[in-house]
Amino acid sequence: MASPRLLSLLLVVPLACGDDGTSSASDSQSNTGDTTTTTTGMTGATVTDTSVPTTGDSGSQSASESETGGPASTGSTETSPVSASETGTSDTTAVTATESTATTTTSTSDTTSTSDTSTSDTSTSTGCVDVCADGELQCVGDDAVQACEVGDGGCLAWAEPAPCAANQVCQEGACVLGCSDACDLGSKQCTGEGVTTCVDDPMSGCTVWADAVACGPNQVCQQGACVMPPPACLDDCVFTKQSVPGGVDFYSVWGADAEDVWVVGAAGTALHYNGVNWKSIDSGVGKRLECVHGSAPDDVYAIANDGAIIRWDGMEWLPHVDLNPIWESSACLSVLGQENLLALVYDENGEKQVLWHVENGVKTQLAVYTPQAVFTPDGSKIRTISLRAFSETDALITADRALRWNGASITNMGAPNPSFGLWALTPNFAYAAASHSGIGHRWDGQMWKIVNPNLDGYLHMFTGTATNRVFAVGESDTGVAAIVAFDGIGWGPVATPPDADALFAAWSAPTGEVFAVGQAGTVLIGE
């Protein structure tokens, strides 16, 4: 006698037959893979009928007998999973029917099924919920990144943040190279003949200096503001000797304005003037610094006679790039803008002059000029180079000869005498000191003409602020400081302190002050 449980299952089987209650196992079409799920009216009971085709051709009638006429080993198999919400137990019943017998096989699974349908799709058997997508990344602040991983409970959760490297920031779930503020937001500074303002860069998120805004007519930039300059002195300038650290020879002077001035010279000496005091600043080099120039208070460059360029970033002098000439002879540079400059070095003891472009610390050789011979100027100053760049393709050079870089080659401009100590107001208005006899040359855009300021001695450098306000500095034939001035009509002498030694270089501030430097630590300011 069948057990009560088996009897109830056998009673369920006819419910899977056709509408008339007859068995569908005898005449059903054998459609491979078709599965029908039928739910009976019995609470919690589900019957699944699966038609299993014979080995005959698809679409043939399903045979009830074997080929030998005996009972077939199998006909159709019906699988009836029974879900009991009361006990949580699933029963799987397989029914095998033949023409003469029906065999029912019952198997019981220990799988537990819950009837709670309120849990979301991301729930697991432990009841946790995924809070992120596998592999997803997000920033934690601006210096760490966090990944989505499988947690201890089996759900996806955010892992511990991983900090970015020191020079990186987190953007859109990834650590990328960061930036640093170049200035204080809203601050202003002088750049050339205009004012530039510190602004936020929307691309990097850091502060940068915006493009300069030119000052108005007759205005000059002073301490970050366009102002009308005071009446400038000329031959009535009063030059006073400054008390400065050290007693070395100085070869170059330049300033962002009259209260932010640099002087460089022998043995890597660099002095800074803040409008009140002079202070020696370690340059980090031991060679002779021959040129100093810049685009802003925090973008100043100096070059040594061995071709090493250093940069002042507003805090300290740092190595920038080395031009590596074979001979440590002479060098100079001219700054075009932020981290952008041209530099010229004597190589092979002056028999080769090499012009370089340096931008963002990357050097590119532009041209080589090979003179037949080089000269040294008369007087106590060593041979030096002067360079004034107006663009990457236009520059004036005095390196024994007056030369011009035109973007393709360096050409000889045909000055009457060996030329040094260049000052150029524009590409078509420049002065250069000749090598002897206290004379100079003036470039008018067409040719060089001789200038004779009637100096009994030697000229070494020109400077000025306008075509009718030009100064020339040098030394008398007795080796003391000498200055002459041009007012647009003629030249005249300017008084200098009697204890001032020979002057080698000069620079004029936009506000009119004149700085002259030279031998044995001599520094003069005229105003």
Protein backbone atom coordinates (compact mmCIF):
# COMPACT_ATOMS: atom_id res chain seq x y z
CA MET A 1 0.00 0.00 0.00
CA ALA A 2 1.35 3.33 -0.93
CA SER A 3 2.23 5.69 1.84
CA PRO A 4 -0.06 8.69 2.39
CA ARG A 5 2.58 11.04 1.05
CA LEU A 6 3.09 8.99 -2.14
CA LEU A 7 -0.63 8.71 -2.67
CA SER A 8 -1.09 12.47 -2.58
CA LEU A 9 1.63 12.90 -5.17
CA LEU A 10 0.10 10.27 -7.42
CA LEU A 11 -3.14 12.17 -7.22
CA VAL A 12 -1.42 15.30 -8.41
CA VAL A 13 -0.12 13.68 -11.60
CA PRO A 14 -3.46 13.56 -13.49
CA LEU A 15 -3.82 17.29 -13.01
CA ALA A 16 -0.98 17.70 -15.49
CA CYS A 17 -2.93 15.84 -18.18
CA GLY A 18 -5.18 17.31 -20.83
CA ASP A 19 -8.41 19.13 -20.15
CA ASP A 20 -10.42 15.91 -20.43
CA GLY A 21 -8.35 14.21 -17.77
CA THR A 22 -6.73 11.75 -20.18
CA SER A 23 -3.03 11.21 -20.20
CA SER A 24 -1.04 13.40 -22.53
CA ALA A 25 1.88 10.99 -22.49
CA SER A 26 0.53 8.79 -25.30
CA ASP A 27 -0.13 11.18 -28.14
CA SER A 28 1.82 14.42 -27.44
CA GLN A 29 4.16 15.83 -30.08
CA SER A 30 7.83 15.45 -29.13
CA ASN A 31 9.04 19.08 -29.20
CA THR A 32 12.58 19.06 -28.02
CA GLY A 33 13.26 21.17 -24.96
CA ASP A 34 9.68 22.41 -24.37
CA THR A 35 8.89 22.89 -20.69
CA THR A 36 5.48 23.67 -19.23
CA THR A 37 4.95 24.78 -15.65
CA THR A 38 1.47 24.26 -14.23
CA THR A 39 0.28 25.47 -10.84
CA THR A 40 -2.50 23.41 -9.29
CA GLY A 41 -5.27 24.69 -7.16
CA MET A 42 -3.60 23.07 -4.19
CA THR A 43 -2.05 25.67 -1.95
CA GLY A 44 1.71 25.75 -2.23
CA ALA A 45 2.00 22.90 -4.76
CA THR A 46 3.62 23.43 -8.19
CA VAL A 47 3.95 20.79 -10.92
CA THR A 48 6.36 21.13 -13.81
CA ASP A 49 5.86 18.93 -16.86
CA THR A 50 8.89 18.37 -19.01
CA SER A 51 8.42 16.51 -22.27
CA VAL A 52 11.45 14.39 -23.12
CA PRO A 53 11.66 13.45 -26.80
CA THR A 54 12.56 9.99 -27.99
CA THR A 55 15.57 9.32 -30.17
CA GLY A 56 13.36 9.53 -33.25
CA ASP A 57 13.25 12.40 -35.72
CA SER A 58 12.00 15.70 -34.44
CA GLY A 59 8.25 15.99 -34.79
CA SER A 60 7.51 12.23 -34.84
CA GLN A 61 4.96 10.69 -32.56
CA SER A 62 6.33 9.70 -29.16
CA ALA A 63 6.18 5.91 -29.04
CA SER A 64 4.69 4.12 -26.07
CA GLU A 65 6.50 0.88 -26.84
CA SER A 66 10.04 -0.04 -27.51
CA GLU A 67 11.12 -1.22 -30.98
CA THR A 68 10.92 -4.81 -29.73
CA GLY A 69 7.33 -4.40 -28.68
CA GLY A 70 8.13 -4.53 -24.99
CA PRO A 71 7.51 -1.75 -22.54
CA ALA A 72 9.65 1.34 -23.17
CA SER A 73 12.23 2.11 -20.51
CA THR A 74 11.06 5.72 -20.34
CA GLY A 75 8.37 7.79 -21.94
CA SER A 76 7.83 11.28 -20.57
CA THR A 77 9.24 12.58 -17.33
CA GLU A 78 7.33 14.97 -15.16
CA THR A 79 9.17 16.94 -12.47
CA SER A 80 7.01 18.43 -9.78
CA PRO A 81 8.83 20.66 -7.29
CA VAL A 82 6.62 21.13 -4.29
CA SER A 83 7.16 24.31 -2.26
CA ALA A 84 5.85 24.19 1.25
CA SER A 85 5.66 27.59 2.80
CA GLU A 86 4.81 26.01 6.15
CA THR A 87 7.90 23.86 6.46
CA GLY A 88 10.28 25.55 3.99
CA THR A 89 11.05 22.13 2.44
CA SER A 90 11.13 21.56 -1.35
CA ASP A 91 10.08 18.16 -2.67
CA THR A 92 10.99 17.20 -6.22
CA THR A 93 8.90 14.40 -7.74
CA ALA A 94 9.81 12.75 -11.04
CA VAL A 95 7.06 10.66 -12.66
CA THR A 96 7.94 8.09 -15.33
CA ALA A 97 5.04 6.75 -17.39
CA THR A 98 4.91 3.74 -19.73
CA GLU A 99 2.02 2.14 -21.54
CA SER A 100 1.56 -0.45 -18.82
CA THR A 101 3.08 1.01 -15.70
CA ALA A 102 3.65 4.36 -14.01
CA THR A 103 6.62 4.73 -11.74
CA THR A 104 6.92 7.68 -9.41
CA THR A 105 10.26 8.71 -7.91
CA THR A 106 10.28 11.21 -5.12
CA SER A 107 13.38 13.05 -3.87
CA THR A 108 13.49 15.51 -1.04
CA SER A 109 15.85 18.51 -1.02
CA ASP A 110 17.08 20.24 2.08
CA THR A 111 17.06 23.59 0.30
CA THR A 112 15.30 26.24 2.35
CA SER A 113 13.15 28.75 0.54
CA THR A 114 11.90 31.90 2.16
CA SER A 115 8.61 33.46 1.21
CA ASP A 116 9.66 37.03 2.13
CA THR A 117 9.57 39.04 -1.10
CA SER A 118 10.42 42.43 0.45
CA THR A 119 14.21 41.95 0.07
CA SER A 120 15.82 43.92 -2.83
CA ASP A 121 17.60 42.30 -5.75
CA THR A 122 21.03 43.06 -4.17
CA SER A 123 20.22 41.13 -0.97
CA THR A 124 22.09 37.95 -0.11
CA SER A 125 21.26 35.19 2.35
CA THR A 126 23.01 37.22 5.06
CA GLY A 127 20.63 40.17 4.59
CA CYS A 128 23.31 42.80 3.56
CA VAL A 129 22.83 45.19 0.61
CA ASP A 130 25.32 46.28 -2.10
CA VAL A 131 26.11 49.97 -1.72
CA CYS A 132 28.20 50.39 -4.90
CA ALA A 133 29.00 48.71 -8.21
CA ASP A 134 31.85 46.23 -8.52
CA GLY A 135 35.03 48.04 -9.60
CA GLU A 136 33.57 51.52 -9.08
CA LEU A 137 36.02 54.22 -7.89
CA GLN A 138 35.39 57.51 -6.11
CA CYS A 139 37.45 60.33 -4.60
CA VAL A 140 37.61 60.84 -0.86
CA GLY A 141 38.46 64.50 -0.48
CA ASP A 142 41.05 65.59 -3.02
CA ASP A 143 43.93 63.37 -1.97
CA ALA A 144 42.61 59.79 -1.77
CA VAL A 145 40.74 57.26 -3.93
CA GLN A 146 38.28 54.57 -2.77
CA ALA A 147 37.36 51.33 -4.59
CA CYS A 148 34.18 49.23 -4.46
CA GLU A 149 34.97 45.65 -3.38
CA VAL A 150 33.25 42.57 -1.94
CA GLY A 151 33.07 42.99 1.81
CA ASP A 152 33.15 40.47 4.67
CA GLY A 153 29.38 39.91 4.44
CA GLY A 154 29.53 39.09 0.72
CA CYS A 155 28.05 42.41 -0.42
CA LEU A 156 29.79 45.16 -2.38
CA ALA A 157 31.04 47.96 -0.15
CA TRP A 158 33.57 50.83 -0.23
CA ALA A 159 37.07 49.77 0.79
CA GLU A 160 39.42 51.86 2.91
CA PRO A 161 40.62 55.02 1.04
CA ALA A 162 44.02 54.76 -0.62
CA PRO A 163 45.98 58.05 -0.45
CA CYS A 164 47.35 59.59 -3.66
CA ALA A 165 51.05 60.27 -4.08
CA ALA A 166 52.50 63.51 -2.75
CA ASN A 167 52.41 65.22 -6.15
CA GLN A 168 48.95 63.93 -7.10
CA VAL A 169 45.32 64.84 -6.49
CA CYS A 170 42.17 62.77 -6.89
CA GLN A 171 39.90 63.69 -9.79
CA GLU A 172 36.91 61.65 -10.98
CA GLY A 173 38.02 58.55 -9.07
CA ALA A 174 41.67 58.58 -10.15
CA CYS A 175 44.92 59.96 -8.77
CA VAL A 176 46.43 62.34 -11.31
CA LEU A 177 49.36 64.74 -11.32
CA GLY A 178 48.35 67.78 -9.36
CA CYS A 179 49.39 71.40 -9.50
CA SER A 180 50.45 74.04 -7.03
CA ASP A 181 49.29 77.60 -6.68
CA ALA A 182 51.58 80.01 -8.50
CA CYS A 183 50.37 83.02 -6.52
CA ASP A 184 47.88 84.33 -4.00
CA LEU A 185 44.44 84.77 -5.55
CA GLY A 186 43.81 88.42 -6.42
CA SER A 187 47.41 89.58 -6.01
CA LYS A 188 48.99 91.72 -8.74
CA GLN A 189 52.49 92.21 -10.09
CA CYS A 190 54.34 94.09 -12.81
CA THR A 191 55.22 92.20 -15.98
CA GLY A 192 56.99 94.15 -18.68
CA GLU A 193 54.99 97.32 -19.26
CA GLY A 194 51.77 96.05 -17.71
CA VAL A 195 50.03 94.46 -14.73
CA THR A 196 49.13 90.81 -14.32
CA THR A 197 46.62 89.43 -11.80
CA CYS A 198 46.58 86.11 -9.96
CA VAL A 199 43.48 84.11 -10.98
CA ASP A 200 42.05 80.61 -10.66
CA ASP A 201 42.81 78.28 -13.56
CA PRO A 202 39.55 76.39 -14.27
CA MET A 203 41.42 73.53 -15.91
CA SER A 204 43.84 72.73 -13.08
CA GLY A 205 42.08 74.30 -10.10
CA CYS A 206 45.26 76.12 -9.09
CA THR A 207 46.09 79.81 -9.23
CA VAL A 208 48.09 81.21 -12.17
CA TRP A 209 49.17 84.61 -13.43
CA ALA A 210 46.80 85.93 -16.08
CA ASP A 211 47.96 87.69 -19.23
CA ALA A 212 49.34 91.14 -18.54
CA VAL A 213 47.23 94.22 -19.12
CA ALA A 214 49.26 97.08 -20.55
CA CYS A 215 49.44 100.35 -18.66
CA GLY A 216 47.94 103.48 -20.16
CA PRO A 217 49.82 106.17 -22.11
CA ASN A 218 52.81 107.56 -20.18
CA GLN A 219 52.10 105.19 -17.27
CA VAL A 220 54.50 102.67 -15.79
CA CYS A 221 53.91 99.65 -13.60
CA GLN A 222 55.13 99.92 -10.04
CA GLN A 223 54.46 97.30 -7.37
CA GLY A 224 51.54 95.82 -9.28
CA ALA A 225 49.86 99.08 -10.26
CA CYS A 226 49.98 101.40 -13.26
CA VAL A 227 51.07 104.86 -12.13
CA MET A 228 52.34 108.08 -13.62
CA PRO A 229 56.12 108.13 -13.12
CA PRO A 230 57.73 110.97 -11.22
CA PRO A 231 59.75 113.46 -13.23
CA ALA A 232 62.80 111.49 -14.38
CA CYS A 233 66.27 112.84 -13.86
CA LEU A 234 68.81 112.98 -16.65
CA ASP A 235 72.08 114.81 -16.38
CA ASP A 236 70.81 116.07 -13.04
CA CYS A 237 70.51 112.56 -11.59
CA VAL A 238 72.23 112.17 -8.25
CA PHE A 239 74.07 108.85 -8.04
CA THR A 240 74.79 107.44 -4.60
CA LYS A 241 77.11 104.56 -3.85
CA GLN A 242 75.42 101.62 -2.12
CA SER A 243 76.82 99.60 0.74
CA VAL A 244 76.53 95.99 -0.43
CA PRO A 245 77.83 92.61 0.81
CA GLY A 246 81.09 91.43 -0.75
CA GLY A 247 83.53 93.18 -2.99
CA VAL A 248 83.44 91.16 -6.23
CA ASP A 249 83.01 92.44 -9.77
CA PHE A 250 79.38 92.73 -10.91
CA TYR A 251 78.45 92.15 -14.56
CA SER A 252 74.66 92.49 -14.80
CA VAL A 253 71.66 94.17 -13.14
CA TRP A 254 67.89 93.87 -13.70
CA GLY A 255 64.73 94.43 -11.69
CA ALA A 256 61.00 93.77 -11.80
CA ASP A 257 60.74 97.33 -10.51
CA ALA A 258 62.89 99.80 -8.56
CA GLU A 259 62.18 97.97 -5.30
CA ASP A 260 62.91 94.46 -6.57
CA VAL A 261 66.35 94.46 -8.17
CA TRP A 262 68.95 91.74 -8.78
CA VAL A 263 72.72 92.15 -9.30
CA VAL A 264 75.00 89.24 -10.26
CA GLY A 265 78.73 88.83 -10.64
CA ALA A 266 81.90 86.88 -9.92
CA ALA A 267 81.96 83.62 -7.93
CA GLY A 268 78.19 83.07 -8.31
CA THR A 269 77.36 86.21 -6.32
CA ALA A 270 73.72 87.32 -6.38
CA LEU A 271 72.45 90.40 -4.51
CA HIS A 272 68.82 91.45 -4.04
CA TYR A 273 67.51 94.96 -3.33
CA ASN A 274 64.06 95.45 -1.79
CA GLY A 275 63.99 99.23 -2.03
CA VAL A 276 65.74 99.68 1.30
CA ASN A 277 68.44 97.07 1.86
CA TRP A 278 70.78 94.86 -0.15
CA LYS A 279 71.03 91.19 0.74
CA SER A 280 73.28 88.42 -0.56
CA ILE A 281 71.30 85.35 -1.74
CA ASP A 282 72.93 81.96 -2.29
CA SER A 283 72.78 81.19 -6.02
CA GLY A 284 73.98 77.61 -5.70
CA VAL A 285 76.73 78.11 -8.29
CA GLY A 286 80.39 79.08 -7.98
CA LYS A 287 81.09 80.30 -11.50
CA ARG A 288 80.87 83.86 -12.75
CA LEU A 289 77.27 84.97 -13.30
CA GLU A 290 77.25 87.19 -16.38
CA CYS A 291 73.60 87.99 -17.10
CA VAL A 292 70.40 88.37 -15.08
CA HIS A 293 66.94 88.97 -16.56
CA GLY A 294 63.34 88.03 -15.84
CA SER A 295 59.66 88.38 -16.64
CA ALA A 296 58.29 88.78 -13.10
CA PRO A 297 59.43 88.86 -9.46
CA ASP A 298 59.14 85.07 -9.26
CA ASP A 299 60.51 84.30 -12.72
CA VAL A 300 64.11 85.56 -12.80
CA TYR A 301 67.07 83.87 -14.51
CA ALA A 302 70.85 84.15 -14.35
CA ILE A 303 73.45 82.42 -16.50
CA ALA A 304 77.01 81.54 -15.61
CA ASN A 305 79.96 81.69 -17.98
CA ASP A 306 79.88 77.88 -18.18
CA GLY A 307 76.33 77.91 -19.61
CA ALA A 308 74.52 76.88 -16.40
CA ILE A 309 71.16 78.67 -16.05
CA ILE A 310 69.53 79.11 -12.64
CA ARG A 311 66.01 80.33 -11.87
CA TRP A 312 64.61 82.39 -9.00
CA ASP A 313 61.07 81.20 -8.22
CA GLY A 314 60.32 83.85 -5.63
CA MET A 315 61.79 81.77 -2.81
CA GLU A 316 65.19 80.48 -3.90
CA TRP A 317 67.61 80.03 -6.78
CA LEU A 318 67.34 76.58 -8.36
CA PRO A 319 69.18 74.87 -11.26
CA HIS A 320 67.14 75.29 -14.46
CA VAL A 321 69.09 73.98 -17.45
CA ASP A 322 72.73 73.58 -18.51
CA LEU A 323 73.79 74.56 -22.04
CA ASN A 324 77.12 72.69 -21.63
CA PRO A 325 79.53 74.64 -23.86
CA ILE A 326 82.93 73.05 -24.44
CA TRP A 327 84.70 76.18 -23.23
CA GLU A 328 83.68 78.20 -20.17
CA SER A 329 83.93 81.60 -21.84
CA SER A 330 80.91 83.98 -21.95
CA ALA A 331 77.13 83.74 -21.91
CA CYS A 332 73.97 85.83 -21.71
CA LEU A 333 70.19 85.40 -21.79
CA SER A 334 67.02 87.37 -22.47
CA VAL A 335 63.64 86.38 -21.02
CA LEU A 336 60.53 86.45 -23.24
CA GLY A 337 57.96 85.36 -20.68
CA GLN A 338 57.22 82.84 -17.94
CA GLU A 339 59.82 80.06 -18.30
CA ASN A 340 60.61 81.14 -21.86
CA LEU A 341 63.95 82.63 -22.89
CA LEU A 342 66.76 82.79 -25.44
CA ALA A 343 70.39 82.29 -24.41
CA LEU A 344 73.69 82.68 -26.23
CA VAL A 345 76.99 81.06 -25.22
CA TYR A 346 80.51 81.39 -26.53
CA ASP A 347 81.82 77.96 -27.37
CA GLU A 348 85.27 76.78 -28.37
CA ASN A 349 86.80 79.91 -26.80
CA GLY A 350 84.50 82.23 -28.75
CA GLU A 351 85.15 80.70 -32.16
CA LYS A 352 81.59 79.43 -32.14
CA GLN A 353 78.55 81.28 -30.78
CA VAL A 354 75.52 79.07 -30.11
CA LEU A 355 71.96 80.39 -29.68
CA TRP A 356 69.46 78.37 -27.64
CA HIS A 357 65.75 78.54 -26.91
CA VAL A 358 64.78 77.34 -23.42
CA GLU A 359 61.13 76.81 -22.54
CA ASN A 360 59.82 75.06 -19.43
CA GLY A 361 63.31 73.76 -18.76
CA VAL A 362 63.72 72.20 -22.21
CA LYS A 363 66.57 73.52 -24.38
CA THR A 364 66.55 73.63 -28.17
CA GLN A 365 69.54 74.74 -30.25
CA LEU A 366 68.48 77.38 -32.76
CA ALA A 367 71.61 78.48 -34.58
CA VAL A 368 75.40 78.58 -34.58
CA TYR A 369 77.43 81.59 -35.68
CA THR A 370 81.14 81.20 -36.39
CA PRO A 371 83.10 84.47 -36.47
CA GLN A 372 86.58 84.65 -37.93
CA ALA A 373 87.99 86.28 -34.79
CA VAL A 374 86.82 87.78 -31.50
CA PHE A 375 88.08 90.79 -29.60
CA THR A 376 88.13 91.93 -25.97
CA PRO A 377 86.97 95.46 -25.16
CA ASP A 378 89.42 98.05 -23.92
CA GLY A 379 89.37 99.00 -20.26
CA SER A 380 89.01 96.83 -17.16
CA LYS A 381 85.91 94.83 -18.16
CA ILE A 382 86.27 91.27 -19.37
CA ARG A 383 84.71 90.23 -22.67
CA THR A 384 80.99 89.59 -22.28
CA ILE A 385 77.91 89.02 -24.43
CA SER A 386 74.69 91.06 -24.59
CA LEU A 387 71.37 89.72 -25.86
CA ARG A 388 67.94 91.32 -26.26
CA ALA A 389 65.15 89.06 -27.49
CA PHE A 390 61.85 90.47 -28.79
CA SER A 391 60.40 87.08 -29.77
CA GLU A 392 61.56 83.55 -30.41
CA THR A 393 62.40 84.60 -33.97
CA ASP A 394 63.79 88.11 -33.44
CA ALA A 395 66.75 89.13 -31.29
CA LEU A 396 69.68 91.54 -31.27
CA ILE A 397 73.10 90.34 -30.10
CA THR A 398 76.43 91.99 -29.38
CA ALA A 399 79.16 89.39 -29.09
CA ASP A 400 82.15 91.27 -30.48
CA ARG A 401 80.00 91.81 -33.58
CA ALA A 402 76.52 93.26 -33.78
CA LEU A 403 74.34 90.34 -34.84
CA ARG A 404 70.68 89.62 -35.49
CA TRP A 405 68.67 86.42 -35.11
CA ASN A 406 65.83 86.40 -37.66
CA GLY A 407 64.28 83.05 -36.87
CA ALA A 408 66.31 81.21 -39.48
CA SER A 409 69.93 82.26 -39.00
CA ILE A 410 72.27 84.69 -37.23
CA THR A 411 73.51 87.44 -39.51
CA ASN A 412 76.16 90.15 -39.13
CA MET A 413 74.56 93.61 -38.98
CA GLY A 414 77.74 95.38 -40.05
CA ALA A 415 78.46 97.72 -37.10
CA PRO A 416 81.47 100.01 -37.67
CA ASN A 417 83.43 98.61 -34.69
CA PRO A 418 83.50 95.58 -32.39
CA SER A 419 80.36 95.89 -30.25
CA PHE A 420 79.41 95.02 -26.68
CA GLY A 421 77.08 96.35 -23.95
CA LEU A 422 73.75 96.32 -25.84
CA TRP A 423 70.56 98.14 -24.83
CA ALA A 424 67.52 98.00 -27.16
CA LEU A 425 64.27 99.86 -26.62
CA THR A 426 62.66 98.32 -29.73
CA PRO A 427 63.91 96.13 -32.59
CA ASN A 428 64.62 99.35 -34.50
CA PHE A 429 66.15 101.46 -31.75
CA ALA A 430 69.26 100.23 -29.95
CA TYR A 431 72.65 101.32 -28.63
CA ALA A 432 75.85 99.31 -28.25
CA ALA A 433 79.23 100.16 -26.75
CA ALA A 434 82.24 100.01 -29.02
CA SER A 435 85.38 98.24 -27.91
CA HIS A 436 87.55 101.35 -27.64
CA SER A 437 87.89 105.18 -27.60
CA GLY A 438 84.79 105.87 -25.48
CA ILE A 439 82.40 105.67 -28.41
CA GLY A 440 79.31 103.70 -29.23
CA HIS A 441 76.86 102.82 -32.01
CA ARG A 442 73.18 103.52 -32.54
CA TRP A 443 70.85 101.28 -34.56
CA ASP A 444 67.98 103.09 -36.33
CA GLY A 445 66.39 100.07 -37.99
CA GLN A 446 68.45 100.50 -41.15
CA MET A 447 72.08 100.83 -40.11
CA TRP A 448 74.47 101.33 -37.20
CA LYS A 449 75.88 104.83 -36.76
CA ILE A 450 78.77 105.97 -34.57
CA VAL A 451 77.89 107.82 -31.34
CA ASN A 452 80.53 109.96 -29.59
CA PRO A 453 79.52 111.09 -26.08
CA ASN A 454 82.92 112.79 -25.56
CA LEU A 455 83.98 110.45 -22.78
CA ASP A 456 87.68 110.28 -21.97
CA GLY A 457 87.69 106.61 -21.25
CA TYR A 458 85.68 103.52 -22.23
CA LEU A 459 81.98 102.78 -22.56
CA HIS A 460 80.76 99.37 -21.36
CA MET A 461 76.93 99.48 -21.39
CA PHE A 462 73.89 101.56 -22.39
CA THR A 463 70.51 101.83 -20.72
CA GLY A 464 67.48 104.12 -20.82
CA THR A 465 63.72 104.54 -20.69
CA ALA A 466 63.01 106.47 -23.91
CA THR A 467 64.65 107.67 -27.09
CA ASN A 468 65.37 111.01 -25.37
CA ARG A 469 66.54 109.53 -22.06
CA VAL A 470 69.58 107.34 -22.57
CA PHE A 471 72.55 106.65 -20.28
CA ALA A 472 75.96 105.16 -21.02
CA VAL A 473 78.19 103.83 -18.23
CA GLY A 474 81.86 102.91 -18.20
CA GLU A 475 85.11 104.19 -16.84
CA SER A 476 87.39 107.14 -17.29
CA ASP A 477 90.91 106.68 -18.52
CA THR A 478 91.95 106.61 -14.84
CA GLY A 479 89.69 103.65 -14.08
CA VAL A 480 86.96 105.37 -12.02
CA ALA A 481 83.22 105.37 -12.71
CA ALA A 482 81.96 107.47 -15.63
CA ILE A 483 78.37 108.14 -16.80
CA VAL A 484 77.04 110.24 -19.70
CA ALA A 485 73.39 110.99 -20.62
CA PHE A 486 71.50 111.81 -23.84
CA ASP A 487 68.40 114.06 -23.79
CA GLY A 488 67.40 113.61 -27.42
CA ILE A 489 69.61 116.49 -28.53
CA GLY A 490 73.08 115.93 -27.17
CA TRP A 491 75.24 114.08 -24.65
CA GLY A 492 76.48 115.41 -21.35
CA PRO A 493 78.42 114.12 -18.32
CA VAL A 494 76.70 112.98 -15.11
CA ALA A 495 78.37 113.32 -11.73
CA THR A 496 79.41 110.12 -9.95
CA PRO A 497 80.81 109.46 -6.45
CA PRO A 498 84.60 109.90 -6.48
CA ASP A 499 85.17 106.51 -4.81
CA ALA A 500 83.12 104.57 -7.37
CA ASP A 501 85.10 102.14 -9.52
CA ALA A 502 84.59 101.28 -13.19
CA LEU A 503 80.98 100.53 -14.18
CA PHE A 504 80.28 97.42 -16.31
CA ALA A 505 76.47 97.28 -16.58
CA ALA A 506 73.32 99.37 -16.00
CA TRP A 507 69.54 99.08 -15.89
CA SER A 508 66.80 101.74 -15.79
CA ALA A 509 63.61 101.18 -13.80
CA PRO A 510 60.28 102.11 -15.45
CA THR A 511 59.88 104.76 -12.76
CA GLY A 512 63.15 106.45 -13.77
CA GLU A 513 65.76 105.21 -11.25
CA VAL A 514 69.06 104.16 -12.79
CA PHE A 515 71.14 101.27 -11.35
CA ALA A 516 74.80 100.93 -12.36
CA VAL A 517 77.16 98.16 -11.19
CA GLY A 518 80.79 97.28 -11.73
CA GLN A 519 84.21 96.66 -10.39
CA ALA A 520 85.06 95.64 -6.83
CA GLY A 521 81.47 95.64 -5.54
CA THR A 522 80.49 99.02 -6.97
CA VAL A 523 76.73 99.64 -7.02
CA LEU A 524 75.22 103.07 -7.76
CA ILE A 525 71.60 104.26 -7.77
CA GLY A 526 70.72 107.48 -9.62
CA GLU A 527 67.49 109.36 -9.04
